[in-house]
Amino acid sequence: MSIEHVDFVKIRLVNEVFLPFIDQGYLSLEELRMVQLWVPDYFLLKKKYPAKDIVSLYKRYLGFKRVSIMLEGMEVDLLAQPSSVH
C-alpha cells in the first residue's frame, strides 16, 4: 500500500472522529455534520488510490470504514435517482 503520509493523517483523524458512532444504527445530527466535512476529501482519496488500498484500510480503521461505506451508499442512491430534467 502506498498511501501518502498526509492522506494517512486524514484517514486516522476521520477514524478517530467516527469510531464512537460505529455501534449506532442511525446517524446523529453531529455525525451528519462531520460527514459533510469529509465528503470532498473522501472522493479525492477514492480517485487518487486503487480501491484495494482503500478497502485494506477498513481492517485497521473501523471509523473510516463506517463513513466510507455510508458515502458509497449515498453515491449509489444519488446515481439511482431518476433525473428531474424535463
PDB file of N, CA and C in Angstrom:
ATOM      1  N   MET A   1       0.851  -1.168   0.000  1.00  0.00           N
ATOM      2  CA  MET A   1       0.000   0.000   0.000  1.00  0.00           C
ATOM      3  C   MET A   1       0.898   1.233   0.000  1.00  0.00           C
ATOM      4  N   SER A   2       0.593   2.185  -0.849  1.00  0.00           N
ATOM      5  CA  SER A   2       1.459   3.357  -0.993  1.00  0.00           C
ATOM      6  C   SER A   2       0.672   4.656  -0.791  1.00  0.00           C
ATOM      7  N   ILE A   3       0.040   4.778   0.350  1.00  0.00           N
ATOM      8  CA  ILE A   3      -0.742   5.978   0.634  1.00  0.00           C
ATOM      9  C   ILE A   3       0.176   7.013   1.270  1.00  0.00           C
ATOM     10  N   GLU A   4       0.106   8.227   0.769  1.00  0.00           N
ATOM     11  CA  GLU A   4       0.970   9.306   1.245  1.00  0.00           C
ATOM     12  C   GLU A   4       0.683   9.629   2.716  1.00  0.00           C
ATOM     13  N   HIS A   5       1.720  10.122   3.399  1.00  0.00           N
ATOM     14  CA  HIS A   5       1.621  10.437   4.828  1.00  0.00           C
ATOM     15  C   HIS A   5       0.473  11.402   5.116  1.00  0.00           C
ATOM     16  N   VAL A   6       0.359  12.436   4.332  1.00  0.00           N
ATOM     17  CA  VAL A   6      -0.693  13.446   4.534  1.00  0.00           C
ATOM     18  C   VAL A   6      -2.082  12.803   4.475  1.00  0.00           C
ATOM     19  N   ASP A   7      -2.265  11.858   3.579  1.00  0.00           N
ATOM     20  CA  ASP A   7      -3.553  11.176   3.460  1.00  0.00           C
ATOM     21  C   ASP A   7      -3.778  10.223   4.631  1.00  0.00           C
ATOM     22  N   PHE A   8      -2.711   9.587   5.111  1.00  0.00           N
ATOM     23  CA  PHE A   8      -2.831   8.733   6.291  1.00  0.00           C
ATOM     24  C   PHE A   8      -3.275   9.546   7.504  1.00  0.00           C
ATOM     25  N   VAL A   9      -2.739  10.743   7.640  1.00  0.00           N
ATOM     26  CA  VAL A   9      -3.127  11.609   8.755  1.00  0.00           C
ATOM     27  C   VAL A   9      -4.625  11.905   8.679  1.00  0.00           C
ATOM     28  N   LYS A  10      -5.124  12.229   7.487  1.00  0.00           N
ATOM     29  CA  LYS A  10      -6.563  12.485   7.312  1.00  0.00           C
ATOM     30  C   LYS A  10      -7.382  11.251   7.668  1.00  0.00           C
ATOM     31  N   ILE A  11      -6.943  10.097   7.208  1.00  0.00           N
ATOM     32  CA  ILE A  11      -7.671   8.850   7.456  1.00  0.00           C
ATOM     33  C   ILE A  11      -7.710   8.541   8.948  1.00  0.00           C
ATOM     34  N   ARG A  12      -6.582   8.699   9.630  1.00  0.00           N
ATOM     35  CA  ARG A  12      -6.554   8.440  11.077  1.00  0.00           C
ATOM     36  C   ARG A  12      -7.445   9.420  11.825  1.00  0.00           C
ATOM     37  N   LEU A  13      -7.452  10.677  11.410  1.00  0.00           N
ATOM     38  CA  LEU A  13      -8.304  11.680  12.049  1.00  0.00           C
ATOM     39  C   LEU A  13      -9.779  11.333  11.851  1.00  0.00           C
ATOM     40  N   VAL A  14     -10.152  11.006  10.634  1.00  0.00           N
ATOM     41  CA  VAL A  14     -11.534  10.615  10.344  1.00  0.00           C
ATOM     42  C   VAL A  14     -11.904   9.382  11.164  1.00  0.00           C
ATOM     43  N   ASN A  15     -10.989   8.428  11.257  1.00  0.00           N
ATOM     44  CA  ASN A  15     -11.243   7.224  12.042  1.00  0.00           C
ATOM     45  C   ASN A  15     -11.549   7.575  13.495  1.00  0.00           C
ATOM     46  N   GLU A  16     -10.738   8.436  14.099  1.00  0.00           N
ATOM     47  CA  GLU A  16     -10.936   8.816  15.495  1.00  0.00           C
ATOM     48  C   GLU A  16     -12.264   9.531  15.699  1.00  0.00           C
ATOM     49  N   VAL A  17     -12.646  10.362  14.748  1.00  0.00           N
ATOM     50  CA  VAL A  17     -13.898  11.112  14.856  1.00  0.00           C
ATOM     51  C   VAL A  17     -15.103  10.183  14.754  1.00  0.00           C
ATOM     52  N   PHE A  18     -15.065   9.231  13.832  1.00  0.00           N
ATOM     53  CA  PHE A  18     -16.235   8.390  13.571  1.00  0.00           C
ATOM     54  C   PHE A  18     -16.277   7.100  14.392  1.00  0.00           C
ATOM     55  N   LEU A  19     -15.186   6.724  15.038  1.00  0.00           N
ATOM     56  CA  LEU A  19     -15.151   5.491  15.821  1.00  0.00           C
ATOM     57  C   LEU A  19     -16.258   5.414  16.882  1.00  0.00           C
ATOM     58  N   PRO A  20     -16.556   6.494  17.613  1.00  0.00           N
ATOM     59  CA  PRO A  20     -17.620   6.403  18.624  1.00  0.00           C
ATOM     60  C   PRO A  20     -19.007   6.098  18.044  1.00  0.00           C
ATOM     61  N   PHE A  21     -19.196   6.300  16.755  1.00  0.00           N
ATOM     62  CA  PHE A  21     -20.508   6.113  16.143  1.00  0.00           C
ATOM     63  C   PHE A  21     -20.697   4.727  15.521  1.00  0.00           C
ATOM     64  N   ILE A  22     -19.688   3.864  15.629  1.00  0.00           N
ATOM     65  CA  ILE A  22     -19.697   2.567  14.945  1.00  0.00           C
ATOM     66  C   ILE A  22     -20.914   1.717  15.302  1.00  0.00           C
ATOM     67  N   ASP A  23     -21.269   1.663  16.567  1.00  0.00           N
ATOM     68  CA  ASP A  23     -22.341   0.765  17.000  1.00  0.00           C
ATOM     69  C   ASP A  23     -23.737   1.352  16.839  1.00  0.00           C
ATOM     70  N   GLN A  24     -23.824   2.596  16.446  1.00  0.00           N
ATOM     71  CA  GLN A  24     -25.134   3.210  16.234  1.00  0.00           C
ATOM     72  C   GLN A  24     -25.757   2.692  14.949  1.00  0.00           C
ATOM     73  N   GLY A  25     -27.041   2.488  14.972  1.00  0.00           N
ATOM     74  CA  GLY A  25     -27.741   2.054  13.772  1.00  0.00           C
ATOM     75  C   GLY A  25     -28.318   3.226  12.999  1.00  0.00           C
ATOM     76  N   TYR A  26     -28.017   4.426  13.427  1.00  0.00           N
ATOM     77  CA  TYR A  26     -28.542   5.628  12.789  1.00  0.00           C
ATOM     78  C   TYR A  26     -27.457   6.692  12.773  1.00  0.00           C
ATOM     79  N   LEU A  27     -27.702   7.761  12.052  1.00  0.00           N
ATOM     80  CA  LEU A  27     -26.763   8.879  12.018  1.00  0.00           C
ATOM     81  C   LEU A  27     -27.293  10.002  12.891  1.00  0.00           C
ATOM     82  N   SER A  28     -26.478  10.481  13.786  1.00  0.00           N
ATOM     83  CA  SER A  28     -26.867  11.630  14.598  1.00  0.00           C
ATOM     84  C   SER A  28     -26.638  12.899  13.778  1.00  0.00           C
ATOM     85  N   LEU A  29     -27.229  13.986  14.216  1.00  0.00           N
ATOM     86  CA  LEU A  29     -27.033  15.270  13.542  1.00  0.00           C
ATOM     87  C   LEU A  29     -25.553  15.647  13.553  1.00  0.00           C
ATOM     88  N   GLU A  30     -24.897  15.384  14.669  1.00  0.00           N
ATOM     89  CA  GLU A  30     -23.460  15.668  14.784  1.00  0.00           C
ATOM     90  C   GLU A  30     -22.663  14.870  13.749  1.00  0.00           C
ATOM     91  N   GLU A  31     -23.007  13.603  13.598  1.00  0.00           N
ATOM     92  CA  GLU A  31     -22.297  12.760  12.637  1.00  0.00           C
ATOM     93  C   GLU A  31     -22.547  13.235  11.213  1.00  0.00           C
ATOM     94  N   LEU A  32     -23.773  13.615  10.903  1.00  0.00           N
ATOM     95  CA  LEU A  32     -24.073  14.123   9.560  1.00  0.00           C
ATOM     96  C   LEU A  32     -23.263  15.374   9.243  1.00  0.00           C
ATOM     97  N   ARG A  33     -23.114  16.246  10.217  1.00  0.00           N
ATOM     98  CA  ARG A  33     -22.301  17.463  10.002  1.00  0.00           C
ATOM     99  C   ARG A  33     -20.846  17.101   9.714  1.00  0.00           C
ATOM    100  N   MET A  34     -20.336  16.116  10.434  1.00  0.00           N
ATOM    101  CA  MET A  34     -18.949  15.698  10.215  1.00  0.00           C
ATOM    102  C   MET A  34     -18.785  15.029   8.854  1.00  0.00           C
ATOM    103  N   VAL A  35     -19.796  14.283   8.431  1.00  0.00           N
ATOM    104  CA  VAL A  35     -19.742  13.637   7.118  1.00  0.00           C
ATOM    105  C   VAL A  35     -19.622  14.691   6.031  1.00  0.00           C
ATOM    106  N   GLN A  36     -20.376  15.782   6.154  1.00  0.00           N
ATOM    107  CA  GLN A  36     -20.324  16.852   5.153  1.00  0.00           C
ATOM    108  C   GLN A  36     -18.908  17.387   4.998  1.00  0.00           C
ATOM    109  N   LEU A  37     -18.176  17.487   6.091  1.00  0.00           N
ATOM    110  CA  LEU A  37     -16.802  17.992   6.036  1.00  0.00           C
ATOM    111  C   LEU A  37     -15.860  16.998   5.362  1.00  0.00           C
ATOM    112  N   TRP A  38     -16.164  15.721   5.465  1.00  0.00           N
ATOM    113  CA  TRP A  38     -15.276  14.678   4.968  1.00  0.00           C
ATOM    114  C   TRP A  38     -15.518  14.325   3.509  1.00  0.00           C
ATOM    115  N   VAL A  39     -16.687  14.611   2.968  1.00  0.00           N
ATOM    116  CA  VAL A  39     -17.059  14.191   1.610  1.00  0.00           C
ATOM    117  C   VAL A  39     -16.015  14.562   0.551  1.00  0.00           C
ATOM    118  N   PRO A  40     -15.600  15.821   0.438  1.00  0.00           N
ATOM    119  CA  PRO A  40     -14.634  16.156  -0.637  1.00  0.00           C
ATOM    120  C   PRO A  40     -13.326  15.369  -0.533  1.00  0.00           C
ATOM    121  N   ASP A  41     -12.782  15.254   0.678  1.00  0.00           N
ATOM    122  CA  ASP A  41     -11.529  14.514   0.856  1.00  0.00           C
ATOM    123  C   ASP A  41     -11.694  13.043   0.520  1.00  0.00           C
ATOM    124  N   TYR A  42     -12.823  12.473   0.898  1.00  0.00           N
ATOM    125  CA  TYR A  42     -13.045  11.051   0.631  1.00  0.00           C
ATOM    126  C   TYR A  42     -13.033  10.772  -0.868  1.00  0.00           C
ATOM    127  N   PHE A  43     -13.740  11.571  -1.632  1.00  0.00           N
ATOM    128  CA  PHE A  43     -13.810  11.305  -3.063  1.00  0.00           C
ATOM    129  C   PHE A  43     -12.487  11.619  -3.764  1.00  0.00           C
ATOM    130  N   LEU A  44     -11.695  12.529  -3.211  1.00  0.00           N
ATOM    131  CA  LEU A  44     -10.342  12.746  -3.743  1.00  0.00           C
ATOM    132  C   LEU A  44      -9.467  11.516  -3.482  1.00  0.00           C
ATOM    133  N   LEU A  45      -9.566  10.956  -2.277  1.00  0.00           N
ATOM    134  CA  LEU A  45      -8.805   9.734  -1.969  1.00  0.00           C
ATOM    135  C   LEU A  45      -9.216   8.599  -2.889  1.00  0.00           C
ATOM    136  N   LYS A  46     -10.509   8.497  -3.123  1.00  0.00           N
ATOM    137  CA  LYS A  46     -11.038   7.421  -3.966  1.00  0.00           C
ATOM    138  C   LYS A  46     -10.488   7.514  -5.393  1.00  0.00           C
ATOM    139  N   LYS A  47     -10.302   8.739  -5.878  1.00  0.00           N
ATOM    140  CA  LYS A  47      -9.744   8.929  -7.225  1.00  0.00           C
ATOM    141  C   LYS A  47      -8.230   8.695  -7.239  1.00  0.00           C
ATOM    142  N   LYS A  48      -7.586   9.035  -6.133  1.00  0.00           N
ATOM    143  CA  LYS A  48      -6.129   9.020  -6.063  1.00  0.00           C
ATOM    144  C   LYS A  48      -5.537   7.618  -5.877  1.00  0.00           C
ATOM    145  N   TYR A  49      -6.256   6.737  -5.156  1.00  0.00           N
ATOM    146  CA  TYR A  49      -5.716   5.423  -4.811  1.00  0.00           C
ATOM    147  C   TYR A  49      -6.601   4.301  -5.346  1.00  0.00           C
ATOM    148  N   PRO A  50      -5.982   3.144  -5.622  1.00  0.00           N
ATOM    149  CA  PRO A  50      -6.776   1.995  -6.078  1.00  0.00           C
ATOM    150  C   PRO A  50      -7.745   1.542  -4.976  1.00  0.00           C
ATOM    151  N   ALA A  51      -8.850   0.972  -5.394  1.00  0.00           N
ATOM    152  CA  ALA A  51      -9.876   0.503  -4.451  1.00  0.00           C
ATOM    153  C   ALA A  51      -9.296  -0.479  -3.436  1.00  0.00           C
ATOM    154  N   LYS A  52      -8.367  -1.328  -3.865  1.00  0.00           N
ATOM    155  CA  LYS A  52      -7.795  -2.321  -2.944  1.00  0.00           C
ATOM    156  C   LYS A  52      -7.050  -1.649  -1.789  1.00  0.00           C
ATOM    157  N   ASP A  53      -6.419  -0.495  -2.041  1.00  0.00           N
ATOM    158  CA  ASP A  53      -5.738   0.228  -0.968  1.00  0.00           C
ATOM    159  C   ASP A  53      -6.739   0.814   0.020  1.00  0.00           C
ATOM    160  N   ILE A  54      -7.815   1.375  -0.495  1.00  0.00           N
ATOM    161  CA  ILE A  54      -8.849   1.953   0.369  1.00  0.00           C
ATOM    162  C   ILE A  54      -9.498   0.849   1.204  1.00  0.00           C
ATOM    163  N   VAL A  55      -9.853  -0.247   0.570  1.00  0.00           N
ATOM    164  CA  VAL A  55     -10.510  -1.361   1.268  1.00  0.00           C
ATOM    165  C   VAL A  55      -9.584  -1.964   2.326  1.00  0.00           C
ATOM    166  N   SER A  56      -8.294  -2.023   2.051  1.00  0.00           N
ATOM    167  CA  SER A  56      -7.362  -2.596   3.029  1.00  0.00           C
ATOM    168  C   SER A  56      -7.293  -1.749   4.305  1.00  0.00           C
ATOM    169  N   LEU A  57      -7.616  -0.478   4.199  1.00  0.00           N
ATOM    170  CA  LEU A  57      -7.627   0.390   5.378  1.00  0.00           C
ATOM    171  C   LEU A  57      -8.810   0.089   6.295  1.00  0.00           C
ATOM    172  N   TYR A  58      -9.866  -0.501   5.748  1.00  0.00           N
ATOM    173  CA  TYR A  58     -11.069  -0.798   6.530  1.00  0.00           C
ATOM    174  C   TYR A  58     -10.772  -1.699   7.725  1.00  0.00           C
ATOM    175  N   LYS A  59      -9.818  -2.612   7.580  1.00  0.00           N
ATOM    176  CA  LYS A  59      -9.497  -3.549   8.662  1.00  0.00           C
ATOM    177  C   LYS A  59      -8.863  -2.834   9.848  1.00  0.00           C
ATOM    178  N   ARG A  60      -8.094  -1.815   9.574  1.00  0.00           N
ATOM    179  CA  ARG A  60      -7.379  -1.096  10.636  1.00  0.00           C
ATOM    180  C   ARG A  60      -8.160   0.086  11.184  1.00  0.00           C
ATOM    181  N   TYR A  61      -9.005   0.672  10.365  1.00  0.00           N
ATOM    182  CA  TYR A  61      -9.680   1.915  10.741  1.00  0.00           C
ATOM    183  C   TYR A  61     -11.193   1.764  10.589  1.00  0.00           C
ATOM    184  N   LEU A  62     -11.844   1.278  11.648  1.00  0.00           N
ATOM    185  CA  LEU A  62     -13.277   0.986  11.572  1.00  0.00           C
ATOM    186  C   LEU A  62     -14.134   2.242  11.427  1.00  0.00           C
ATOM    187  N   GLY A  63     -13.702   3.356  12.016  1.00  0.00           N
ATOM    188  CA  GLY A  63     -14.440   4.612  11.845  1.00  0.00           C
ATOM    189  C   GLY A  63     -14.374   5.080  10.403  1.00  0.00           C
ATOM    190  N   PHE A  64     -13.213   4.948   9.799  1.00  0.00           N
ATOM    191  CA  PHE A  64     -13.042   5.277   8.383  1.00  0.00           C
ATOM    192  C   PHE A  64     -13.919   4.371   7.530  1.00  0.00           C
ATOM    193  N   LYS A  65     -13.975   3.101   7.897  1.00  0.00           N
ATOM    194  CA  LYS A  65     -14.808   2.146   7.153  1.00  0.00           C
ATOM    195  C   LYS A  65     -16.278   2.555   7.219  1.00  0.00           C
ATOM    196  N   ARG A  66     -16.741   2.930   8.406  1.00  0.00           N
ATOM    197  CA  ARG A  66     -18.154   3.305   8.571  1.00  0.00           C
ATOM    198  C   ARG A  66     -18.524   4.471   7.668  1.00  0.00           C
ATOM    199  N   VAL A  67     -17.748   5.529   7.705  1.00  0.00           N
ATOM    200  CA  VAL A  67     -18.094   6.707   6.908  1.00  0.00           C
ATOM    201  C   VAL A  67     -17.903   6.430   5.422  1.00  0.00           C
ATOM    202  N   SER A  68     -16.927   5.633   5.062  1.00  0.00           N
ATOM    203  CA  SER A  68     -16.706   5.305   3.648  1.00  0.00           C
ATOM    204  C   SER A  68     -17.879   4.528   3.070  1.00  0.00           C
ATOM    205  N   ILE A  69     -18.336   3.530   3.807  1.00  0.00           N
ATOM    206  CA  ILE A  69     -19.473   2.733   3.340  1.00  0.00           C
ATOM    207  C   ILE A  69     -20.723   3.598   3.255  1.00  0.00           C
ATOM    208  N   MET A  70     -20.885   4.487   4.213  1.00  0.00           N
ATOM    209  CA  MET A  70     -22.024   5.400   4.197  1.00  0.00           C
ATOM    210  C   MET A  70     -21.972   6.296   2.955  1.00  0.00           C
ATOM    211  N   LEU A  71     -20.804   6.827   2.645  1.00  0.00           N
ATOM    212  CA  LEU A  71     -20.670   7.702   1.476  1.00  0.00           C
ATOM    213  C   LEU A  71     -20.863   6.931   0.183  1.00  0.00           C
ATOM    214  N   GLU A  72     -20.373   5.703   0.137  1.00  0.00           N
ATOM    215  CA  GLU A  72     -20.589   4.872  -1.053  1.00  0.00           C
ATOM    216  C   GLU A  72     -22.081   4.633  -1.252  1.00  0.00           C
ATOM    217  N   GLY A  73     -22.794   4.373  -0.163  1.00  0.00           N
ATOM    218  CA  GLY A  73     -24.236   4.166  -0.241  1.00  0.00           C
ATOM    219  C   GLY A  73     -24.964   5.404  -0.727  1.00  0.00           C
ATOM    220  N   MET A  74     -24.527   6.568  -0.252  1.00  0.00           N
ATOM    221  CA  MET A  74     -25.145   7.822  -0.698  1.00  0.00           C
ATOM    222  C   MET A  74     -24.905   8.037  -2.184  1.00  0.00           C
ATOM    223  N   GLU A  75     -23.696   7.729  -2.640  1.00  0.00           N
ATOM    224  CA  GLU A  75     -23.367   7.901  -4.054  1.00  0.00           C
ATOM    225  C   GLU A  75     -24.235   6.983  -4.917  1.00  0.00           C
ATOM    226  N   VAL A  76     -24.397   5.743  -4.497  1.00  0.00           N
ATOM    227  CA  VAL A  76     -25.229   4.795  -5.238  1.00  0.00           C
ATOM    228  C   VAL A  76     -26.678   5.273  -5.259  1.00  0.00           C
ATOM    229  N   ASP A  77     -27.176   5.748  -4.115  1.00  0.00           N
ATOM    230  CA  ASP A  77     -28.551   6.256  -4.051  1.00  0.00           C
ATOM    231  C   ASP A  77     -28.751   7.438  -4.988  1.00  0.00           C
ATOM    232  N   LEU A  78     -27.783   8.342  -5.013  1.00  0.00           N
ATOM    233  CA  LEU A  78     -27.897   9.519  -5.881  1.00  0.00           C
ATOM    234  C   LEU A  78     -27.874   9.127  -7.352  1.00  0.00           C
ATOM    235  N   LEU A  79     -27.033   8.179  -7.703  1.00  0.00           N
ATOM    236  CA  LEU A  79     -26.954   7.731  -9.093  1.00  0.00           C
ATOM    237  C   LEU A  79     -28.224   6.998  -9.519  1.00  0.00           C
ATOM    238  N   ALA A  80     -28.893   6.370  -8.565  1.00  0.00           N
ATOM    239  CA  ALA A  80     -30.105   5.608  -8.875  1.00  0.00           C
ATOM    240  C   ALA A  80     -31.346   6.491  -8.981  1.00  0.00           C
ATOM    241  N   GLN A  81     -31.260   7.719  -8.481  1.00  0.00           N
ATOM    242  CA  GLN A  81     -32.413   8.623  -8.526  1.00  0.00           C
ATOM    243  C   GLN A  81     -32.707   9.014  -9.967  1.00  0.00           C
ATOM    244  N   PRO A  82     -33.980   8.998 -10.361  1.00  0.00           N
ATOM    245  CA  PRO A  82     -34.313   9.444 -11.716  1.00  0.00           C
ATOM    246  C   PRO A  82     -34.051  10.942 -11.861  1.00  0.00           C
ATOM    247  N   SER A  83     -33.618  11.330 -13.004  1.00  0.00           N
ATOM    248  CA  SER A  83     -33.336  12.739 -13.274  1.00  0.00           C
ATOM    249  C   SER A  83     -34.641  13.517 -13.330  1.00  0.00           C
ATOM    250  N   SER A  84     -34.611  14.745 -12.826  1.00  0.00           N
ATOM    251  CA  SER A  84     -35.823  15.573 -12.849  1.00  0.00           C
ATOM    252  C   SER A  84     -35.780  16.580 -13.996  1.00  0.00           C
ATOM    253  N   VAL A  85     -34.978  16.302 -15.003  1.00  0.00           N
ATOM    254  CA  VAL A  85     -34.874  17.192 -16.160  1.00  0.00           C
ATOM    255  C   VAL A  85     -36.078  16.963 -17.064  1.00  0.00           C
ATOM    256  N   HIS A  86     -36.728  18.044 -17.476  1.00  0.00           N
ATOM    257  CA  HIS A  86     -37.917  17.933 -18.341  1.00  0.00           C
ATOM    258  C   HIS A  86     -37.587  18.295 -19.753  1.00  0.00           C
TER     259      HIS A  86
END
